[in-house]
């Protein structure tokens, strides 16, 4: 697929000094949602909690439905009626992500800002055995354990001051989740990874996602 210029917010910079420290500049909030049209062979399209075909499907959306895309991010590669792409679209009204290979936007490239600006960021790790979501509206992490593999789901996070890592564990077993408030002040930033591991001292991890930066609205 041809690529178009990636729209970015002016002023956002992320510098990771180490695995546990980083510095952030200010950022402009995401632009208004872009509208797209779901295009499948006729079947409903899965809406997933994270931008990965292994992530939990939170609901479906009908072929031909109009969807409001608030942000886009890179996920695993998907081949749909509109081509092969790694772009995933976050649709806040549906509470999750759909592959851009199934959404007609008028462009083969990105048409919305990067996710990670309080618009419903979510990540999964270890083939989505764990899923983590930062809820910007009230600075909560929601962590899901989605696999009976003997490991817990966990989010590791660092504050804008560089303090961390701190942890939010989902240790209740497969199918359970934890919803926890975290000390991220309004307008401040948080950097996080979703992992699977064991809540020992120190904790041990079997696998983690790439890091993502988000902020408390």
Protein backbone atom coordinates (compact mmCIF):
# COMPACT_ATOMS: atom_id res chain seq x y z
CA UNK A 1 0.00 0.00 0.00
CA UNK A 2 1.22 3.51 -0.70
CA UNK A 3 2.01 5.57 2.34
CA UNK A 4 1.03 9.14 3.07
CA UNK A 5 2.65 11.54 5.48
CA UNK A 6 2.16 10.66 9.13
CA UNK A 7 0.48 13.49 11.00
CA UNK A 8 2.10 14.18 14.33
CA UNK A 9 1.33 16.56 17.16
CA UNK A 10 3.65 19.52 17.37
CA UNK A 11 5.84 19.60 20.41
CA UNK A 12 5.70 16.00 21.65
CA UNK A 13 9.06 14.40 22.39
CA UNK A 14 9.91 11.27 24.31
CA UNK A 15 13.46 10.51 25.43
CA UNK A 16 14.04 7.32 27.37
CA UNK A 17 17.12 7.76 29.52
CA UNK A 18 16.84 4.15 30.72
CA UNK A 19 14.24 1.41 31.12
CA UNK A 20 13.01 3.29 34.16
CA UNK A 21 13.38 6.98 33.31
CA UNK A 22 12.26 9.28 30.54
CA UNK A 23 11.55 12.94 29.79
CA UNK A 24 8.53 14.35 27.97
CA UNK A 25 7.80 17.64 26.30
CA UNK A 26 4.34 19.16 25.98
CA UNK A 27 1.86 18.08 23.33
CA UNK A 28 -1.21 19.30 21.54
CA UNK A 29 -4.34 17.13 22.05
CA UNK A 30 -5.52 14.91 19.21
CA UNK A 31 -7.64 16.38 16.43
CA UNK A 32 -11.32 15.67 15.91
CA UNK A 33 -12.27 12.19 14.76
CA UNK A 34 -12.04 11.22 11.09
CA UNK A 35 -14.92 9.22 9.61
CA UNK A 36 -14.41 5.90 7.83
CA UNK A 37 -16.67 3.17 6.44
CA UNK A 38 -16.31 -0.50 7.39
CA UNK A 39 -15.79 -2.70 4.33
CA UNK A 40 -15.83 -6.49 4.72
CA UNK A 41 -17.06 -9.36 2.56
CA UNK A 42 -20.35 -8.98 4.41
CA UNK A 43 -19.55 -10.36 7.86
CA UNK A 44 -19.32 -8.12 10.94
CA UNK A 45 -15.83 -6.84 11.79
CA UNK A 46 -14.25 -7.60 15.17
CA UNK A 47 -13.41 -4.62 17.37
CA UNK A 48 -10.41 -5.49 19.55
CA UNK A 49 -9.14 -4.13 22.84
CA UNK A 50 -5.61 -3.73 21.46
CA UNK A 51 -4.25 -3.39 17.89
CA UNK A 52 -3.58 -7.10 17.42
CA UNK A 53 -5.65 -9.92 15.93
CA UNK A 54 -4.91 -11.99 19.05
CA UNK A 55 -6.37 -9.32 21.36
CA UNK A 56 -9.80 -9.80 22.89
CA UNK A 57 -12.73 -8.89 20.63
CA UNK A 58 -14.85 -6.51 22.70
CA UNK A 59 -17.68 -6.30 20.14
CA UNK A 60 -18.37 -6.30 16.38
CA UNK A 61 -19.36 -3.62 13.88
CA UNK A 62 -21.48 -4.21 10.78
CA UNK A 63 -20.24 -4.07 7.19
CA UNK A 64 -21.04 -0.62 5.78
CA UNK A 65 -21.17 1.08 9.17
CA UNK A 66 -19.71 4.56 9.55
CA UNK A 67 -17.06 4.80 12.30
CA UNK A 68 -15.33 7.78 13.91
CA UNK A 69 -11.55 7.26 14.04
CA UNK A 70 -9.97 9.29 16.82
CA UNK A 71 -6.40 8.05 16.43
CA UNK A 72 -4.31 5.39 14.68
CA UNK A 73 -1.41 3.19 15.71
CA UNK A 74 0.82 0.39 14.40
CA UNK A 75 -0.19 -3.20 15.17
CA UNK A 76 0.21 -6.59 13.56
CA UNK A 77 -0.17 -6.87 9.79
CA UNK A 78 -3.65 -7.63 8.46
CA UNK A 79 -4.84 -8.27 4.91
CA UNK A 80 -8.38 -7.02 4.27
CA UNK A 81 -10.49 -5.98 1.28
CA UNK A 82 -8.61 -2.66 1.14
CA UNK A 83 -5.13 -4.21 1.18
CA UNK A 84 -2.43 -5.26 3.64
CA UNK A 85 -1.57 -2.83 6.43
CA UNK A 86 -0.19 -2.53 9.95
CA UNK A 87 -2.40 0.52 10.66
CA UNK A 88 -5.12 0.09 13.27
CA UNK A 89 -7.88 2.61 13.92
CA UNK A 90 -9.15 3.46 17.41
CA UNK A 91 -12.93 3.97 17.42
CA UNK A 92 -13.97 5.42 20.81
CA UNK A 93 -17.69 4.76 20.26
CA UNK A 94 -16.87 1.05 19.95
CA UNK A 95 -14.29 0.97 22.75
CA UNK A 96 -11.49 -0.58 20.72
CA UNK A 97 -9.47 -0.96 17.54
CA UNK A 98 -10.24 -2.18 14.00
CA UNK A 99 -7.73 -2.93 11.26
CA UNK A 100 -7.48 -0.15 8.67
CA UNK A 101 -7.48 -2.87 6.01
CA UNK A 102 -11.23 -3.05 6.60
CA UNK A 103 -11.98 0.68 6.86
CA UNK A 104 -12.36 2.95 3.84
CA UNK A 105 -10.94 6.36 4.73
CA UNK A 106 -10.04 7.74 1.30
CA UNK A 107 -6.34 7.16 1.94
CA UNK A 108 -3.93 4.22 2.02
CA UNK A 109 -1.93 5.99 4.74
CA UNK A 110 -2.72 7.52 8.11
CA UNK A 111 -5.56 10.00 8.38
CA UNK A 112 -5.60 10.58 12.15
CA UNK A 113 -3.03 11.35 14.89
CA UNK A 114 -1.03 8.66 16.68
CA UNK A 115 -2.78 6.99 19.59
CA UNK A 116 -1.43 7.63 23.06
CA UNK A 117 -3.08 10.99 23.75
CA UNK A 118 -5.81 9.96 26.12
CA UNK A 119 -7.87 8.39 23.36
CA UNK A 120 -8.01 4.82 24.64
CA UNK A 121 -4.50 3.46 24.36
CA UNK A 122 -4.18 -0.29 24.92
CA UNK A 123 -1.42 -2.85 24.55
CA UNK A 124 -1.05 -6.61 24.70
CA UNK A 125 1.94 -8.84 25.38
CA UNK A 126 3.05 -12.46 24.98
CA UNK A 127 0.53 -13.20 22.21
CA UNK A 128 -1.99 -11.15 24.20
CA UNK A 129 -1.85 -13.30 27.32
CA UNK A 130 -2.11 -9.91 29.05
CA UNK A 131 -3.80 -6.71 27.97
CA UNK A 132 -3.46 -3.28 29.52
CA UNK A 133 -5.41 -0.07 29.02
CA UNK A 134 -4.72 3.42 30.36
CA UNK A 135 -8.00 5.27 30.93
CA UNK A 136 -7.09 8.90 30.50
CA UNK A 137 -10.31 10.38 31.84
CA UNK A 138 -9.61 9.35 35.45
CA UNK A 139 -5.98 8.11 35.34
CA UNK A 140 -6.73 4.42 35.85
CA UNK A 141 -4.96 1.37 34.50
CA UNK A 142 -7.13 -1.63 33.64
CA UNK A 143 -5.10 -4.84 33.37
CA UNK A 144 -6.52 -8.11 32.01
CA UNK A 145 -5.22 -11.68 32.34
CA UNK A 146 -6.42 -13.39 29.16
CA UNK A 147 -4.62 -16.73 29.21
CA UNK A 148 -4.43 -19.63 31.67
CA UNK A 149 -0.65 -19.85 31.34
CA UNK A 150 0.35 -19.66 35.00
CA UNK A 151 1.52 -16.04 34.67
CA UNK A 152 -0.19 -12.82 35.73
CA UNK A 153 -0.95 -9.82 33.57
CA UNK A 154 0.89 -6.70 34.67
CA UNK A 155 1.42 -3.12 33.57
CA UNK A 156 4.79 -1.52 34.32
CA UNK A 157 4.65 2.27 34.27
CA UNK A 158 6.90 5.29 34.76
CA UNK A 159 5.80 8.82 35.66
CA UNK A 160 6.82 11.97 33.80
CA UNK A 161 9.27 12.74 36.63
CA UNK A 162 11.17 9.57 35.69
CA UNK A 163 10.03 7.73 38.83
CA UNK A 164 9.30 4.04 38.38
CA UNK A 165 8.78 1.37 37.41
CA UNK A 166 5.52 0.95 39.31
CA UNK A 167 3.20 -2.01 38.75
CA UNK A 168 -0.48 -2.86 38.42
CA UNK A 169 -1.01 -6.63 38.66
CA UNK A 170 -3.93 -8.76 37.50
CA UNK A 171 -3.22 -11.86 39.59
CA UNK A 172 -6.70 -13.36 39.77
CA UNK A 173 -6.25 -15.78 36.87
CA UNK A 174 -7.54 -16.17 33.33
CA UNK A 175 -10.53 -13.96 32.52
CA UNK A 176 -10.02 -11.57 35.44
CA UNK A 177 -9.03 -7.92 35.46
CA UNK A 178 -7.92 -5.18 37.86
CA UNK A 179 -8.95 -1.53 37.62
CA UNK A 180 -6.63 0.73 39.64
CA UNK A 181 -6.15 4.47 40.04
CA UNK A 182 -2.56 5.63 39.53
CA UNK A 183 -0.92 8.92 40.62
CA UNK A 184 -0.76 10.64 37.22
CA UNK A 185 -1.81 14.30 37.64
CA UNK A 186 -4.11 15.91 35.08
CA UNK A 187 -2.15 16.97 32.02
CA UNK A 188 0.85 14.85 33.01
CA UNK A 189 2.33 11.95 31.10
CA UNK A 190 2.84 8.25 31.81
CA UNK A 191 4.97 5.71 29.94
CA UNK A 192 3.90 2.06 30.18
CA UNK A 193 4.37 -1.51 28.99
CA UNK A 194 2.04 -4.49 29.29
CA UNK A 195 3.73 -7.71 30.42
CA UNK A 196 3.16 -11.22 31.70
CA UNK A 197 5.07 -12.36 34.75
CA UNK A 198 5.12 -13.36 38.39
CA UNK A 199 4.58 -11.05 41.35
CA UNK A 200 7.72 -12.04 43.20
CA UNK A 201 10.31 -9.79 44.83
CA UNK A 202 11.77 -8.61 42.53
CA UNK A 203 9.09 -9.35 39.90
CA UNK A 204 9.97 -11.59 36.95
CA UNK A 205 8.59 -11.09 33.44
CA UNK A 206 8.04 -13.56 30.60
CA UNK A 207 7.41 -10.93 27.96
CA UNK A 208 6.46 -7.27 27.52
CA UNK A 209 4.97 -5.09 24.82
CA UNK A 210 6.72 -2.08 23.36
CA UNK A 211 6.34 1.08 25.43
CA UNK A 212 3.57 3.61 24.93
CA UNK A 213 3.20 7.17 26.22
CA UNK A 214 -0.18 8.57 27.27
CA UNK A 215 -1.48 11.40 29.46
CA UNK A 216 -4.16 12.09 32.02
CA UNK A 217 -6.79 14.36 30.50
